[in-house]
Amino acid sequence: MSDDERALIRHLEFRSFERMMAFINRLAWLAQAQGHHPDFTAATYHCEVRFTTHALGGLTENDFICAARLDAIISGDL
């Protein structure tokens, strides 16, 4: 969670660039399916994903649902 408690943040490390990009593609699929798009940054073997509801300036139930689904997607990737 962010310091101001307005976002759920996940820092991820991958063994290869290809695995990181495969993860980002899955993240894009999840975001589109949920209609809720996280902010993310990626660099070489690292990715940070941030769920928040910008329109409300903080967290909603959908942020927690998406974060839980993200956890399910990455459980075997790291």
N, C-alpha and C. Protein backbone atom coordinates (compact mmCIF):
# COMPACT_ATOMS: atom_id res chain seq x y z
N MET A 1 0.85 -1.17 0.00
CA MET A 1 0.00 0.00 0.00
C MET A 1 0.89 1.24 0.00
N SER A 2 0.41 2.28 -0.63
CA SER A 2 1.18 3.52 -0.67
C SER A 2 1.20 4.17 0.71
N ASP A 3 2.13 5.07 0.91
CA ASP A 3 2.24 5.76 2.20
C ASP A 3 0.98 6.52 2.56
N ASP A 4 0.30 7.09 1.57
CA ASP A 4 -0.92 7.84 1.84
C ASP A 4 -2.18 6.96 1.84
N GLU A 5 -2.00 5.65 1.65
CA GLU A 5 -3.07 4.65 1.65
C GLU A 5 -4.11 4.88 0.57
N ARG A 6 -3.71 5.50 -0.53
CA ARG A 6 -4.62 5.75 -1.65
C ARG A 6 -4.36 4.84 -2.83
N ALA A 7 -3.41 3.92 -2.71
CA ALA A 7 -3.08 3.02 -3.81
C ALA A 7 -2.51 1.71 -3.27
N LEU A 8 -2.77 0.64 -3.99
CA LEU A 8 -2.16 -0.65 -3.73
C LEU A 8 -0.99 -0.79 -4.69
N ILE A 9 0.19 -1.06 -4.16
CA ILE A 9 1.39 -1.10 -4.98
C ILE A 9 2.04 -2.47 -4.86
N ARG A 10 2.47 -3.00 -5.99
CA ARG A 10 3.18 -4.28 -6.01
C ARG A 10 4.46 -4.10 -6.81
N HIS A 11 5.60 -4.42 -6.20
CA HIS A 11 6.90 -4.38 -6.87
C HIS A 11 7.26 -5.82 -7.25
N LEU A 12 7.63 -6.02 -8.50
CA LEU A 12 7.92 -7.36 -8.99
C LEU A 12 9.28 -7.39 -9.66
N GLU A 13 9.97 -8.52 -9.49
CA GLU A 13 11.24 -8.77 -10.18
C GLU A 13 11.09 -10.03 -10.99
N PHE A 14 11.65 -10.04 -12.18
CA PHE A 14 11.56 -11.19 -13.08
C PHE A 14 12.94 -11.68 -13.45
N ARG A 15 13.01 -12.96 -13.81
CA ARG A 15 14.28 -13.57 -14.18
C ARG A 15 14.74 -13.19 -15.58
N SER A 16 13.81 -12.70 -16.40
CA SER A 16 14.18 -12.32 -17.76
C SER A 16 13.25 -11.22 -18.27
N PHE A 17 13.72 -10.52 -19.28
CA PHE A 17 12.92 -9.49 -19.92
C PHE A 17 11.66 -10.11 -20.53
N GLU A 18 11.80 -11.28 -21.14
CA GLU A 18 10.66 -11.95 -21.77
C GLU A 18 9.57 -12.27 -20.76
N ARG A 19 9.95 -12.74 -19.57
CA ARG A 19 8.95 -13.03 -18.53
C ARG A 19 8.25 -11.75 -18.07
N MET A 20 9.02 -10.67 -17.97
CA MET A 20 8.41 -9.41 -17.56
C MET A 20 7.39 -8.96 -18.60
N MET A 21 7.73 -9.05 -19.88
CA MET A 21 6.81 -8.62 -20.93
C MET A 21 5.58 -9.53 -21.00
N ALA A 22 5.76 -10.81 -20.76
CA ALA A 22 4.61 -11.72 -20.72
C ALA A 22 3.68 -11.34 -19.57
N PHE A 23 4.26 -10.98 -18.44
CA PHE A 23 3.47 -10.52 -17.31
C PHE A 23 2.70 -9.25 -17.67
N ILE A 24 3.36 -8.30 -18.30
CA ILE A 24 2.70 -7.04 -18.66
C ILE A 24 1.55 -7.30 -19.63
N ASN A 25 1.71 -8.24 -20.54
CA ASN A 25 0.61 -8.59 -21.43
C ASN A 25 -0.56 -9.19 -20.66
N ARG A 26 -0.28 -10.03 -19.67
CA ARG A 26 -1.35 -10.58 -18.83
C ARG A 26 -2.01 -9.49 -18.01
N LEU A 27 -1.20 -8.56 -17.52
CA LEU A 27 -1.73 -7.42 -16.77
C LEU A 27 -2.67 -6.59 -17.66
N ALA A 28 -2.30 -6.37 -18.90
CA ALA A 28 -3.15 -5.63 -19.83
C ALA A 28 -4.47 -6.36 -20.07
N TRP A 29 -4.40 -7.69 -20.20
CA TRP A 29 -5.60 -8.49 -20.38
C TRP A 29 -6.52 -8.36 -19.17
N LEU A 30 -5.94 -8.47 -17.97
CA LEU A 30 -6.72 -8.33 -16.73
C LEU A 30 -7.37 -6.96 -16.66
N ALA A 31 -6.61 -5.92 -16.94
CA ALA A 31 -7.13 -4.56 -16.86
C ALA A 31 -8.30 -4.36 -17.82
N GLN A 32 -8.15 -4.86 -19.03
CA GLN A 32 -9.21 -4.70 -20.02
C GLN A 32 -10.44 -5.50 -19.62
N ALA A 33 -10.24 -6.72 -19.12
CA ALA A 33 -11.37 -7.56 -18.70
C ALA A 33 -12.13 -6.94 -17.53
N GLN A 34 -11.40 -6.30 -16.63
CA GLN A 34 -12.01 -5.69 -15.45
C GLN A 34 -12.51 -4.27 -15.71
N GLY A 35 -12.06 -3.68 -16.80
CA GLY A 35 -12.41 -2.29 -17.06
C GLY A 35 -11.80 -1.36 -16.03
N HIS A 36 -10.64 -1.77 -15.50
CA HIS A 36 -9.96 -0.99 -14.46
C HIS A 36 -8.47 -1.06 -14.74
N HIS A 37 -7.88 0.04 -15.11
CA HIS A 37 -6.52 0.04 -15.64
C HIS A 37 -5.53 0.61 -14.63
N PRO A 38 -4.58 -0.20 -14.20
CA PRO A 38 -3.59 0.27 -13.22
C PRO A 38 -2.51 1.12 -13.89
N ASP A 39 -1.82 1.87 -13.08
CA ASP A 39 -0.60 2.52 -13.52
C ASP A 39 0.52 1.50 -13.33
N PHE A 40 1.46 1.48 -14.25
CA PHE A 40 2.61 0.59 -14.05
C PHE A 40 3.83 1.18 -14.71
N THR A 41 4.98 0.79 -14.19
CA THR A 41 6.26 1.15 -14.79
C THR A 41 7.06 -0.13 -14.94
N ALA A 42 7.87 -0.18 -15.98
CA ALA A 42 8.68 -1.37 -16.23
C ALA A 42 10.07 -0.94 -16.66
N ALA A 43 11.08 -1.66 -16.17
CA ALA A 43 12.46 -1.40 -16.53
C ALA A 43 13.25 -2.69 -16.41
N THR A 44 13.80 -3.15 -17.52
CA THR A 44 14.61 -4.35 -17.61
C THR A 44 13.92 -5.55 -16.97
N TYR A 45 14.19 -5.86 -15.70
CA TYR A 45 13.59 -7.03 -15.06
C TYR A 45 12.68 -6.65 -13.90
N HIS A 46 12.25 -5.41 -13.83
CA HIS A 46 11.44 -4.92 -12.72
C HIS A 46 10.15 -4.30 -13.23
N CYS A 47 9.10 -4.44 -12.44
CA CYS A 47 7.83 -3.82 -12.78
C CYS A 47 7.14 -3.40 -11.48
N GLU A 48 6.53 -2.23 -11.48
CA GLU A 48 5.73 -1.78 -10.35
C GLU A 48 4.31 -1.55 -10.87
N VAL A 49 3.34 -2.11 -10.17
CA VAL A 49 1.93 -1.97 -10.54
C VAL A 49 1.24 -1.22 -9.41
N ARG A 50 0.41 -0.26 -9.78
CA ARG A 50 -0.27 0.58 -8.79
C ARG A 50 -1.76 0.63 -9.14
N PHE A 51 -2.59 0.08 -8.24
CA PHE A 51 -4.03 0.16 -8.41
C PHE A 51 -4.57 1.29 -7.54
N THR A 52 -5.35 2.16 -8.14
CA THR A 52 -6.05 3.23 -7.44
C THR A 52 -7.20 3.67 -8.34
N THR A 53 -8.19 4.33 -7.78
CA THR A 53 -9.29 4.85 -8.57
C THR A 53 -9.11 6.36 -8.64
N HIS A 54 -8.55 6.81 -9.74
CA HIS A 54 -8.21 8.23 -9.90
C HIS A 54 -9.42 9.14 -9.74
N ALA A 55 -10.56 8.71 -10.27
CA ALA A 55 -11.77 9.55 -10.24
C ALA A 55 -12.22 9.82 -8.80
N LEU A 56 -11.91 8.91 -7.89
CA LEU A 56 -12.31 9.09 -6.49
C LEU A 56 -11.14 9.48 -5.60
N GLY A 57 -9.95 9.50 -6.16
CA GLY A 57 -8.78 9.90 -5.38
C GLY A 57 -8.36 8.90 -4.31
N GLY A 58 -8.65 7.63 -4.54
CA GLY A 58 -8.26 6.63 -3.55
C GLY A 58 -8.67 5.23 -3.97
N LEU A 59 -8.81 4.37 -2.98
CA LEU A 59 -9.10 2.97 -3.22
C LEU A 59 -10.59 2.68 -3.21
N THR A 60 -10.97 1.73 -4.08
CA THR A 60 -12.34 1.22 -4.09
C THR A 60 -12.27 -0.31 -4.03
N GLU A 61 -13.41 -0.92 -3.91
CA GLU A 61 -13.46 -2.38 -3.86
C GLU A 61 -12.84 -2.99 -5.12
N ASN A 62 -13.05 -2.35 -6.26
CA ASN A 62 -12.51 -2.86 -7.52
C ASN A 62 -10.98 -2.91 -7.50
N ASP A 63 -10.33 -1.96 -6.82
CA ASP A 63 -8.87 -2.00 -6.71
C ASP A 63 -8.42 -3.26 -5.99
N PHE A 64 -9.11 -3.63 -4.92
CA PHE A 64 -8.75 -4.83 -4.16
C PHE A 64 -9.04 -6.09 -4.96
N ILE A 65 -10.14 -6.09 -5.71
CA ILE A 65 -10.46 -7.25 -6.56
C ILE A 65 -9.38 -7.42 -7.62
N CYS A 66 -9.01 -6.33 -8.29
CA CYS A 66 -7.97 -6.41 -9.33
C CYS A 66 -6.64 -6.83 -8.74
N ALA A 67 -6.29 -6.32 -7.58
CA ALA A 67 -5.02 -6.69 -6.94
C ALA A 67 -5.02 -8.19 -6.60
N ALA A 68 -6.13 -8.70 -6.13
CA ALA A 68 -6.23 -10.14 -5.81
C ALA A 68 -6.10 -10.97 -7.08
N ARG A 69 -6.72 -10.53 -8.16
CA ARG A 69 -6.60 -11.26 -9.42
C ARG A 69 -5.18 -11.18 -9.97
N LEU A 70 -4.54 -10.05 -9.78
CA LEU A 70 -3.13 -9.92 -10.18
C LEU A 70 -2.28 -10.92 -9.40
N ASP A 71 -2.50 -11.04 -8.10
CA ASP A 71 -1.76 -12.02 -7.30
C ASP A 71 -1.93 -13.42 -7.85
N ALA A 72 -3.15 -13.76 -8.27
CA ALA A 72 -3.39 -15.09 -8.83
C ALA A 72 -2.62 -15.30 -10.13
N ILE A 73 -2.53 -14.26 -10.94
CA ILE A 73 -1.80 -14.37 -12.21
C ILE A 73 -0.30 -14.57 -11.97
N ILE A 74 0.27 -13.87 -11.01
CA ILE A 74 1.73 -13.92 -10.85
C ILE A 74 2.21 -15.03 -9.92
N SER A 75 1.32 -15.74 -9.32
CA SER A 75 1.74 -16.73 -8.32
C SER A 75 2.77 -17.71 -8.83
N GLY A 76 2.78 -18.04 -10.11
CA GLY A 76 3.76 -18.99 -10.64
C GLY A 76 4.85 -18.35 -11.47
N ASP A 77 4.88 -17.03 -11.57
CA ASP A 77 5.82 -16.37 -12.47
C ASP A 77 7.13 -15.97 -11.84
N LEU A 78 7.19 -15.82 -10.54
CA LEU A 78 8.40 -15.27 -9.92
C LEU A 78 9.37 -16.33 -9.51
